[in-house]
Amino acid sequence: MVQEKEQWNFDNSYTHLPKLFFSFTNPTPVESPKLVAFNKSLSDALGLNTQALQSDEGASELAGNKLPVGAQPIAQAYAGHQFGHFTMLGDGRAVLLGEQVTPQEERFDVQLKGSGRTPYSRGGDGRAAIGPMLREYIISEAMFALGIPTTRSLAVVTTGEKVYREAVLPGAILTRVADSHLRVGTFQYAAHWGNSEELRALADYALLRHYPRAKHADNPYLALLQEVVNRQAVLISKWQLVGFIHGVMNTDNMTISGETIDYGPCAFMDIYDPETVFSSIDTRGRYAYGNQPKIAAWNLARLAETLLPLLHEDENQALKMAQDVIAGFDRIYDNSWMSGMRAKLGLFNEEQEDESLFINLLDMMHKYAADYTNTFRALTLNKLEGANLFGTDEFKKWHELWQSRLGRQQESMDACLQLMRKSNPAVIPRNHRVEEALEAASKQGDYSVMETLLTILADPYAYSPEQEEFTKLPSPSSCRYRTFCGT
């Protein structure tokens, strides 16, 4: 049996929720599925048979042509604020096969993205082009290696069919693995189109799935909100610390679990600039790098609004409770970001002037158009040459203050440098490297460029000789780098 071969161990707890939240939907078969990217380490962690999944039969399952034993495919319903405008959404090109329960009794959603039309497709074709699916594979695995909570990519399968966007492109399907696909938008959907019992059922499910200890709190639903705020505040701080720009921080792209999800027009910042935007659809900079923390807080306020009926029977009291929790986002974010910046500069303890030390460095990086990642890499390696920033009197003064700050610690300089190496990646998925890999794969059918890149990104803190070439910046260009949504 297939179950014995692939070792799928599906449960389908989401289908126990009220029918409002999903539609039973089978993937649409494709012409000629071919496995082109496969995550062996993730497969092993899920308790799957890696060899079997890399066979033709495995490719057929990962394309949706053949359902694994135990799968119960659904498309999930949700809503969301997209660039500030509320709308009904849902899985328009994805189906959730089920929840894989690992040998360690951990539970993960297994979703096929690009698997055909669903009841929520809203006129779309339900398909995906190979470029965006490979982009999600590369970036999500890079984020995982950086230690940032994220959905992950198990496989990419080409379909043998064409997808029509601005151009005719090869089609592909991504297998995405997540703690769950519960979103802020799922709660918005429940609050707008469901009744109080359906909203409560969703909240209870989220508590059981992600925050079981909070079930025993005096007010479990207030505890749920606090947990999500905590997770998201820390997550966004981690984005900022590595220069990651999500690109489309709609409420349907914010998870209840605190994972990064939906790698559409995402990218990593090269030159430090808080106003950096790569997404072609973010014409007003709503989701610019520097705006990400406040957008996260705005999104969480939308979550809080949905939970008001569950927080307290008195509406005014419920509103105050929610506002108090949301007001705490900035403090949690600031503490996490400050802690991360201390680690990036080798600081073990806290001093009152630390924030000004960090802000002054970032201001100089902005003023002199310094590369974000390579500046911290240079400080870690004590190789302060090449960049315009390092030759300025401003930097020399800052460097003296930093060295004095390091000297006031009990820890040795070697310990400080080791902390910096653990906190400053030597490599990130540079945009030109990602595009190079995507072009080779989509146009030439050459996946070796992507495989090399993935190998380099798998241990970003290694500071290995092999990574040296991948730290180099792209050649200057007159065109601003732009990313595009896969739909």
Protein backbone atom coordinates (compact mmCIF):
# COMPACT_ATOMS: atom_id res chain seq x y z
CA MET A 1 0.00 0.00 0.00
CA VAL A 2 1.05 3.61 -0.59
CA GLN A 3 0.75 4.32 3.13
CA GLU A 4 3.37 1.69 3.89
CA LYS A 5 5.67 3.05 1.18
CA GLU A 6 5.49 6.78 1.88
CA GLN A 7 4.63 6.43 5.58
CA TRP A 8 2.01 9.15 5.50
CA ASN A 9 0.24 9.36 8.84
CA PHE A 10 -2.55 11.82 8.20
CA ASP A 11 -5.03 13.19 10.66
CA ASN A 12 -7.63 15.73 9.58
CA SER A 13 -8.58 17.67 12.70
CA TYR A 14 -9.42 20.84 10.77
CA THR A 15 -12.39 19.08 9.17
CA HIS A 16 -13.92 18.73 12.65
CA LEU A 17 -14.52 22.49 12.65
CA PRO A 18 -17.87 23.84 11.41
CA LYS A 19 -18.30 23.47 7.65
CA LEU A 20 -18.13 27.26 7.33
CA PHE A 21 -14.33 27.11 7.47
CA PHE A 22 -13.54 24.85 4.51
CA SER A 23 -14.69 23.07 1.38
CA PHE A 24 -13.80 19.51 0.45
CA THR A 25 -11.76 19.99 -2.73
CA ASN A 26 -9.60 17.54 -4.66
CA PRO A 27 -6.48 18.71 -6.50
CA THR A 28 -6.83 18.93 -10.27
CA PRO A 29 -4.59 16.31 -11.98
CA VAL A 30 -1.76 17.55 -14.17
CA GLU A 31 -0.34 16.18 -17.41
CA SER A 32 3.19 15.13 -16.55
CA PRO A 33 4.38 15.58 -12.94
CA LYS A 34 8.14 15.67 -12.44
CA LEU A 35 9.93 16.16 -9.15
CA VAL A 36 12.53 18.92 -9.50
CA ALA A 37 13.22 19.90 -5.88
CA PHE A 38 12.96 17.73 -2.80
CA ASN A 39 13.79 18.47 0.84
CA LYS A 40 15.28 15.25 2.19
CA SER A 41 15.95 16.53 5.71
CA LEU A 42 12.39 17.78 6.09
CA SER A 43 11.02 14.51 4.71
CA ASP A 44 13.01 12.59 7.31
CA ALA A 45 11.83 14.92 10.10
CA LEU A 46 8.23 14.29 9.07
CA GLY A 47 8.76 10.54 9.30
CA LEU A 48 8.29 10.00 5.57
CA ASN A 49 9.99 7.52 3.27
CA THR A 50 12.29 9.82 1.34
CA GLN A 51 13.21 7.30 -1.31
CA ALA A 52 9.60 6.40 -2.06
CA LEU A 53 8.54 10.04 -2.35
CA GLN A 54 11.24 10.66 -4.95
CA SER A 55 9.79 7.95 -7.21
CA ASP A 56 7.31 8.52 -10.04
CA GLU A 57 4.51 7.46 -7.71
CA GLY A 58 5.72 9.95 -5.10
CA ALA A 59 5.81 12.73 -7.71
CA SER A 60 2.24 11.83 -8.65
CA GLU A 61 1.16 12.32 -5.02
CA LEU A 62 3.08 15.57 -4.66
CA ALA A 63 1.34 16.86 -7.78
CA GLY A 64 -2.11 15.88 -6.54
CA ASN A 65 -2.67 13.29 -9.28
CA LYS A 66 -2.96 10.55 -6.69
CA LEU A 67 -4.13 11.10 -3.14
CA PRO A 68 -2.08 9.59 -0.32
CA VAL A 69 -3.92 7.15 1.92
CA GLY A 70 -5.54 9.07 4.75
CA ALA A 71 -5.60 12.42 2.96
CA GLN A 72 -8.84 14.39 3.08
CA PRO A 73 -8.19 17.40 0.81
CA ILE A 74 -9.82 20.70 1.68
CA ALA A 75 -9.53 24.34 0.68
CA GLN A 76 -9.65 26.65 3.67
CA ALA A 77 -11.86 29.72 3.84
CA TYR A 78 -10.54 33.00 5.21
CA ALA A 79 -10.78 36.73 4.67
CA GLY A 80 -8.25 39.51 4.98
CA HIS A 81 -7.26 43.12 4.75
CA GLN A 82 -5.25 43.35 1.53
CA PHE A 83 -3.37 46.66 1.49
CA GLY A 84 -5.90 47.89 4.04
CA HIS A 85 -9.05 46.79 2.20
CA PHE A 86 -11.18 43.99 3.64
CA THR A 87 -12.26 41.19 1.31
CA MET A 88 -13.35 37.56 1.23
CA LEU A 89 -10.50 35.25 0.23
CA GLY A 90 -9.71 31.57 0.84
CA ASP A 91 -7.37 29.02 -0.70
CA GLY A 92 -7.76 29.94 -4.34
CA ARG A 93 -4.99 27.70 -5.61
CA ALA A 94 -4.13 25.38 -2.76
CA VAL A 95 -5.50 22.32 -1.01
CA LEU A 96 -4.63 21.00 2.42
CA LEU A 97 -4.06 17.25 2.10
CA GLY A 98 -4.17 16.77 5.85
CA GLU A 99 -2.03 16.94 8.95
CA GLN A 100 1.01 14.70 9.06
CA VAL A 101 1.57 13.35 12.57
CA THR A 102 5.26 12.56 12.97
CA PRO A 103 6.81 9.71 14.98
CA GLN A 104 7.43 12.35 17.67
CA GLU A 105 3.67 13.10 17.74
CA GLU A 106 4.16 16.53 16.21
CA ARG A 107 1.49 17.75 13.82
CA PHE A 108 2.11 19.61 10.54
CA ASP A 109 -0.17 20.75 7.75
CA VAL A 110 0.77 19.40 4.32
CA GLN A 111 -0.53 21.65 1.57
CA LEU A 112 -0.27 21.56 -2.23
CA LYS A 113 0.06 25.07 -3.62
CA GLY A 114 -0.78 25.55 -7.29
CA SER A 115 -2.95 22.43 -7.40
CA GLY A 116 -5.93 23.84 -9.32
CA ARG A 117 -9.15 25.74 -8.87
CA THR A 118 -11.14 25.71 -5.64
CA PRO A 119 -14.46 27.26 -4.57
CA TYR A 120 -12.42 30.30 -3.49
CA SER A 121 -10.51 30.88 -6.74
CA ARG A 122 -12.52 34.01 -7.65
CA GLY A 123 -11.85 33.65 -11.38
CA GLY A 124 -8.23 32.54 -11.00
CA ASP A 125 -6.83 29.44 -12.67
CA GLY A 126 -5.66 27.87 -9.41
CA ARG A 127 -2.23 27.21 -10.85
CA ALA A 128 1.28 28.47 -10.12
CA ALA A 129 4.31 29.16 -12.26
CA ILE A 130 7.62 27.51 -11.49
CA GLY A 131 9.46 30.72 -10.59
CA PRO A 132 7.35 31.74 -7.58
CA MET A 133 7.23 28.16 -6.29
CA LEU A 134 11.01 27.82 -6.44
CA ARG A 135 11.35 31.27 -4.85
CA GLU A 136 9.24 30.11 -1.90
CA TYR A 137 11.33 26.94 -1.66
CA ILE A 138 14.60 28.88 -1.58
CA ILE A 139 13.54 31.69 0.74
CA SER A 140 11.60 29.55 3.21
CA GLU A 141 14.52 27.16 3.61
CA ALA A 142 16.91 30.08 3.98
CA MET A 143 14.71 31.52 6.70
CA PHE A 144 14.64 28.17 8.48
CA ALA A 145 18.45 28.03 8.39
CA LEU A 146 18.60 31.58 9.77
CA GLY A 147 16.57 30.40 12.77
CA ILE A 148 13.41 32.33 11.88
CA PRO A 149 10.02 30.65 12.39
CA THR A 150 8.67 29.76 8.97
CA THR A 151 6.59 27.43 6.90
CA ARG A 152 8.83 25.06 4.97
CA SER A 153 8.96 23.53 1.52
CA LEU A 154 8.98 19.77 1.05
CA ALA A 155 8.99 19.59 -2.74
CA VAL A 156 8.40 21.31 -6.06
CA VAL A 157 6.90 19.34 -8.92
CA THR A 158 6.63 20.63 -12.48
CA THR A 159 3.30 19.87 -14.11
CA GLY A 160 4.12 19.59 -17.81
CA GLU A 161 1.52 22.32 -18.37
CA LYS A 162 1.73 26.03 -19.10
CA VAL A 163 0.58 28.87 -16.87
CA TYR A 164 -0.52 32.15 -18.40
CA ARG A 165 0.55 35.31 -16.59
CA GLU A 166 2.33 38.28 -18.19
CA ALA A 167 4.04 35.56 -20.20
CA VAL A 168 3.53 31.85 -20.81
CA LEU A 169 5.41 30.01 -18.06
CA PRO A 170 6.02 26.41 -16.98
CA GLY A 171 3.58 25.29 -14.27
CA ALA A 172 4.60 23.87 -10.89
CA ILE A 173 3.18 22.76 -7.55
CA LEU A 174 4.82 23.40 -4.18
CA THR A 175 4.30 21.14 -1.17
CA ARG A 176 4.23 23.45 1.82
CA VAL A 177 4.56 22.29 5.43
CA ALA A 178 3.28 24.45 8.30
CA ASP A 179 2.48 24.26 11.98
CA SER A 180 -0.94 25.22 10.65
CA HIS A 181 -2.50 27.53 8.09
CA LEU A 182 -4.63 29.38 10.65
CA ARG A 183 -4.39 33.08 9.89
CA VAL A 184 -5.58 36.37 11.32
CA GLY A 185 -7.78 36.33 8.22
CA THR A 186 -9.35 33.05 9.36
CA PHE A 187 -10.62 34.80 12.47
CA GLN A 188 -11.77 37.79 10.44
CA TYR A 189 -13.76 35.40 8.26
CA ALA A 190 -15.35 33.78 11.32
CA ALA A 191 -16.25 37.14 12.87
CA HIS A 192 -17.74 38.50 9.64
CA TRP A 193 -19.57 35.50 8.21
CA GLY A 194 -19.91 33.13 11.16
CA ASN A 195 -21.86 33.15 14.40
CA SER A 196 -20.56 33.32 17.95
CA GLU A 197 -20.38 29.55 18.35
CA GLU A 198 -18.41 29.14 15.12
CA LEU A 199 -15.99 31.85 16.25
CA ARG A 200 -15.61 30.14 19.61
CA ALA A 201 -15.00 26.78 17.90
CA LEU A 202 -12.18 28.33 15.84
CA ALA A 203 -10.60 29.97 18.90
CA ASP A 204 -10.80 26.72 20.85
CA TYR A 205 -9.17 24.90 17.97
CA ALA A 206 -6.35 27.46 17.79
CA LEU A 207 -5.75 27.12 21.51
CA LEU A 208 -5.66 23.33 21.36
CA ARG A 209 -3.44 23.30 18.27
CA HIS A 210 -0.91 25.96 19.25
CA TYR A 211 -1.29 27.15 22.84
CA PRO A 212 -2.74 24.31 24.92
CA ARG A 213 -1.42 25.79 28.18
CA ALA A 214 -3.44 28.93 27.56
CA LYS A 215 -6.61 26.84 27.71
CA HIS A 216 -6.19 26.81 31.48
CA ALA A 217 -5.83 30.58 31.85
CA ASP A 218 -8.48 32.59 33.66
CA ASN A 219 -9.44 34.04 30.28
CA PRO A 220 -8.26 31.59 27.57
CA TYR A 221 -9.19 33.86 24.67
CA LEU A 222 -7.31 36.80 26.11
CA ALA A 223 -4.37 34.45 26.64
CA LEU A 224 -4.67 33.38 22.99
CA LEU A 225 -4.43 36.98 21.84
CA GLN A 226 -1.43 37.59 24.10
CA GLU A 227 0.36 34.50 22.80
CA VAL A 228 -0.13 35.50 19.17
CA VAL A 229 1.05 39.05 19.91
CA ASN A 230 4.15 37.65 21.64
CA ARG A 231 4.97 35.31 18.76
CA GLN A 232 4.44 37.90 16.06
CA ALA A 233 6.39 40.64 17.82
CA VAL A 234 9.41 38.35 18.15
CA LEU A 235 9.01 37.10 14.58
CA ILE A 236 8.96 40.59 13.08
CA SER A 237 12.02 41.56 15.12
CA LYS A 238 13.84 38.60 13.59
CA TRP A 239 12.84 39.77 10.12
CA GLN A 240 14.22 43.22 10.82
CA LEU A 241 17.47 41.86 12.24
CA VAL A 242 18.33 40.04 8.98
CA GLY A 243 16.88 42.62 6.57
CA PHE A 244 13.97 40.49 5.35
CA ILE A 245 11.07 42.22 3.61
CA HIS A 246 7.89 40.19 3.31
CA GLY A 247 6.34 42.41 0.69
CA VAL A 248 2.67 41.61 1.25
CA MET A 249 1.82 41.74 4.96
CA ASN A 250 -1.93 41.39 4.52
CA THR A 251 -3.87 39.96 7.46
CA ASP A 252 -4.36 36.71 5.55
CA ASN A 253 -0.57 36.38 5.49
CA MET A 254 -0.15 36.54 9.28
CA THR A 255 -0.33 33.20 11.08
CA ILE A 256 -1.71 32.40 14.50
CA SER A 257 1.29 30.11 15.07
CA GLY A 258 3.83 32.91 14.56
CA GLU A 259 5.38 31.43 11.42
CA THR A 260 6.38 33.40 8.33
CA ILE A 261 4.02 32.40 5.52
CA ASP A 262 3.36 33.16 1.84
CA TYR A 263 6.65 34.08 0.22
CA GLY A 264 5.30 36.04 -2.72
CA PRO A 265 7.12 39.28 -3.56
CA CYS A 266 9.57 38.88 -0.67
CA ALA A 267 13.27 39.74 -0.77
CA PHE A 268 16.25 40.59 1.40
CA MET A 269 17.54 44.13 1.64
CA ASP A 270 21.00 44.91 0.30
CA ILE A 271 21.69 48.61 0.91
CA TYR A 272 20.21 49.69 4.24
CA ASP A 273 17.20 51.92 3.75
CA PRO A 274 14.06 51.75 5.92
CA GLU A 275 11.95 52.75 2.91
CA THR A 276 13.05 49.75 0.85
CA VAL A 277 10.22 48.15 -1.14
CA PHE A 278 10.67 45.41 -3.72
CA SER A 279 7.09 44.34 -4.41
CA SER A 280 5.68 45.61 -7.71
CA ILE A 281 2.20 45.89 -6.17
CA ASP A 282 3.26 47.89 -3.09
CA THR A 283 3.24 51.20 -4.94
CA ARG A 284 2.83 53.35 -1.82
CA GLY A 285 5.32 51.56 0.41
CA ARG A 286 2.75 50.29 2.91
CA TYR A 287 4.87 47.18 3.53
CA ALA A 288 8.31 48.79 3.32
CA TYR A 289 11.05 47.38 5.54
CA GLY A 290 10.73 50.14 8.15
CA ASN A 291 6.94 49.81 8.30
CA GLN A 292 6.82 46.10 9.07
CA PRO A 293 6.59 46.37 12.89
CA LYS A 294 3.71 48.86 12.87
CA ILE A 295 1.87 46.90 10.16
CA ALA A 296 2.18 43.78 12.31
CA ALA A 297 0.63 45.65 15.23
CA TRP A 298 -2.16 46.91 12.96
CA ASN A 299 -2.86 43.36 11.78
CA LEU A 300 -2.95 42.10 15.35
CA ALA A 301 -5.44 44.80 16.24
CA ARG A 302 -7.69 43.30 13.56
CA LEU A 303 -7.33 39.92 15.27
CA ALA A 304 -8.22 41.50 18.61
CA GLU A 305 -11.40 42.95 17.10
CA THR A 306 -12.58 39.50 16.10
CA LEU A 307 -12.09 38.14 19.62
CA LEU A 308 -13.99 40.87 21.45
CA PRO A 309 -17.20 38.81 21.87
CA LEU A 310 -15.15 36.07 23.55
CA LEU A 311 -13.10 38.30 25.85
CA HIS A 312 -15.87 39.71 28.02
CA GLU A 313 -19.65 40.03 27.95
CA ASP A 314 -19.30 43.78 28.51
CA GLU A 315 -18.20 45.31 25.20
CA ASN A 316 -16.32 48.22 26.76
CA GLN A 317 -14.44 45.92 29.11
CA ALA A 318 -13.59 43.57 26.23
CA LEU A 319 -12.28 46.50 24.19
CA LYS A 320 -10.05 47.71 27.01
CA MET A 321 -8.64 44.21 27.56
CA ALA A 322 -7.82 43.88 23.87
CA GLN A 323 -6.29 47.36 23.67
CA ASP A 324 -4.03 46.62 26.63
CA VAL A 325 -2.68 43.51 24.94
CA ILE A 326 -2.13 45.21 21.58
CA ALA A 327 -0.46 48.17 23.30
CA GLY A 328 2.14 45.73 24.60
CA PHE A 329 3.31 44.79 21.09
CA ASP A 330 5.83 47.64 20.87
CA ARG A 331 7.45 46.72 24.16
CA ILE A 332 7.79 43.04 23.21
CA TYR A 333 9.11 43.94 19.76
CA ASP A 334 11.57 46.53 21.10
CA ASN A 335 12.93 44.15 23.73
CA SER A 336 13.41 41.40 21.16
CA TRP A 337 15.00 43.72 18.62
CA MET A 338 17.30 45.27 21.20
CA SER A 339 18.37 41.83 22.38
CA GLY A 340 19.09 40.82 18.80
CA MET A 341 21.07 43.98 18.09
CA ARG A 342 23.14 43.46 21.22
CA ALA A 343 24.01 39.98 19.99
CA LYS A 344 24.88 41.31 16.53
CA LEU A 345 27.38 43.67 18.15
CA GLY A 346 28.72 41.18 20.68
CA LEU A 347 27.05 42.65 23.76
CA PHE A 348 26.07 40.33 26.59
CA ASN A 349 24.72 42.85 29.09
CA GLU A 350 22.56 45.97 28.89
CA GLU A 351 23.50 49.61 29.17
CA GLN A 352 21.27 52.67 28.92
CA GLU A 353 23.03 54.07 25.85
CA ASP A 354 22.83 50.87 23.79
CA GLU A 355 19.89 52.02 21.70
CA SER A 356 21.68 55.18 20.58
CA LEU A 357 24.70 53.05 19.67
CA PHE A 358 22.51 50.90 17.41
CA ILE A 359 20.53 53.77 15.89
CA ASN A 360 23.67 55.77 15.13
CA LEU A 361 25.16 52.82 13.26
CA LEU A 362 22.00 52.31 11.22
CA ASP A 363 21.79 56.04 10.45
CA MET A 364 25.36 55.96 9.12
CA MET A 365 24.63 52.86 7.07
CA HIS A 366 21.67 54.68 5.54
CA LYS A 367 23.62 57.88 4.93
CA TYR A 368 26.51 56.10 3.19
CA ALA A 369 24.40 53.48 1.39
CA ALA A 370 26.10 50.59 3.18
CA ASP A 371 25.05 46.99 2.67
CA TYR A 372 23.14 45.79 5.73
CA THR A 373 24.36 42.19 5.95
CA ASN A 374 27.93 42.86 4.88
CA THR A 375 28.37 45.72 7.33
CA PHE A 376 27.68 43.41 10.27
CA ARG A 377 29.75 40.69 8.61
CA ALA A 378 32.70 43.09 8.32
CA LEU A 379 32.37 44.09 11.98
CA THR A 380 32.31 40.41 12.93
CA LEU A 381 35.44 39.64 10.91
CA ASN A 382 37.10 42.98 11.80
CA LYS A 383 37.67 43.62 8.10
CA LEU A 384 36.79 47.28 7.87
CA GLU A 385 37.73 48.22 4.37
CA GLY A 386 36.00 48.61 1.04
CA ALA A 387 32.75 50.28 2.07
CA ASN A 388 32.59 54.10 2.06
CA LEU A 389 31.16 54.02 5.56
CA PHE A 390 34.30 52.64 7.18
CA GLY A 391 36.53 55.51 6.04
CA THR A 392 34.44 58.27 7.56
CA ASP A 393 35.20 60.18 10.73
CA GLU A 394 31.66 59.45 11.91
CA PHE A 395 32.27 55.73 11.79
CA LYS A 396 35.67 55.97 13.44
CA LYS A 397 34.09 57.84 16.36
CA TRP A 398 31.28 55.28 16.55
CA HIS A 399 33.80 52.42 16.41
CA GLU A 400 35.69 53.84 19.39
CA LEU A 401 32.45 54.02 21.41
CA TRP A 402 31.59 50.45 20.44
CA GLN A 403 35.04 49.15 21.40
CA SER A 404 34.80 50.96 24.71
CA ARG A 405 31.37 49.40 25.26
CA LEU A 406 32.76 45.92 24.55
CA GLY A 407 35.60 46.57 26.97
CA ARG A 408 33.22 47.21 29.84
CA GLN A 409 31.97 43.61 29.73
CA GLN A 410 33.26 40.71 31.79
CA GLU A 411 33.25 38.44 28.74
CA SER A 412 36.41 38.13 26.67
CA MET A 413 36.74 39.65 23.22
CA ASP A 414 36.81 36.14 21.79
CA ALA A 415 33.44 35.41 23.42
CA CYS A 416 32.06 38.63 21.95
CA LEU A 417 33.21 37.66 18.47
CA GLN A 418 31.71 34.20 18.83
CA LEU A 419 28.39 35.78 19.78
CA MET A 420 28.59 38.00 16.71
CA ARG A 421 29.31 35.04 14.43
CA LYS A 422 26.21 33.28 15.75
CA SER A 423 24.09 36.38 15.23
CA ASN A 424 25.27 37.84 11.92
CA PRO A 425 24.78 35.64 8.86
CA ALA A 426 27.67 35.53 6.45
CA VAL A 427 25.24 34.95 3.60
CA ILE A 428 21.61 35.67 2.80
CA PRO A 429 19.60 34.83 -0.33
CA ARG A 430 20.91 37.76 -2.32
CA ASN A 431 18.32 38.88 -4.84
CA HIS A 432 20.59 38.51 -7.86
CA ARG A 433 21.57 35.00 -6.76
CA VAL A 434 17.95 33.99 -6.33
CA GLU A 435 17.07 35.38 -9.76
CA GLU A 436 20.05 33.58 -11.27
CA ALA A 437 18.81 30.28 -9.83
CA LEU A 438 15.22 30.87 -10.92
CA GLU A 439 16.21 31.81 -14.46
CA ALA A 440 18.44 28.77 -14.88
CA ALA A 441 15.66 26.48 -13.65
CA SER A 442 12.71 28.02 -15.48
CA LYS A 443 14.40 28.80 -18.78
CA GLN A 444 17.09 26.15 -19.13
CA GLY A 445 15.73 23.42 -16.89
CA ASP A 446 19.02 23.62 -14.96
CA TYR A 447 18.45 23.12 -11.23
CA SER A 448 22.11 22.85 -10.30
CA VAL A 449 22.38 26.62 -9.71
CA MET A 450 19.54 26.45 -7.19
CA GLU A 451 21.00 23.37 -5.52
CA THR A 452 24.33 25.13 -5.06
CA LEU A 453 22.61 28.18 -3.62
CA LEU A 454 20.59 26.05 -1.21
CA THR A 455 23.77 24.33 -0.03
CA ILE A 456 25.42 27.69 0.65
CA LEU A 457 22.37 29.00 2.50
CA ALA A 458 21.90 25.87 4.61
CA ASP A 459 24.45 27.08 7.20
CA PRO A 460 24.45 30.88 6.98
CA TYR A 461 26.59 31.33 10.09
CA ALA A 462 29.41 29.06 8.93
CA TYR A 463 31.66 31.81 7.54
CA SER A 464 33.15 29.18 5.24
CA PRO A 465 35.44 29.87 2.26
CA GLU A 466 32.74 28.47 -0.04
CA GLN A 467 30.39 31.25 1.04
CA GLU A 468 32.78 34.06 0.14
CA GLU A 469 31.60 34.34 -3.47
CA PHE A 470 27.98 34.57 -2.33
CA THR A 471 28.65 37.60 -0.11
CA LYS A 472 29.38 39.79 -3.14
CA LEU A 473 26.92 42.45 -4.15
CA PRO A 474 25.36 42.61 -7.62
CA SER A 475 26.74 44.92 -10.26
CA PRO A 476 25.25 48.41 -10.18
CA SER A 477 22.05 48.68 -12.18
CA SER A 478 19.96 51.57 -13.41
CA CYS A 479 16.81 49.53 -12.75
CA ARG A 480 15.34 49.10 -9.28
CA TYR A 481 14.97 45.44 -8.31
CA ARG A 482 11.33 44.39 -8.30
CA THR A 483 9.53 41.24 -7.21
CA PHE A 484 6.14 40.04 -8.33
CA CYS A 485 3.22 38.23 -6.75
CA GLY A 486 2.87 34.68 -8.06
CA THR A 487 -0.77 35.20 -9.03
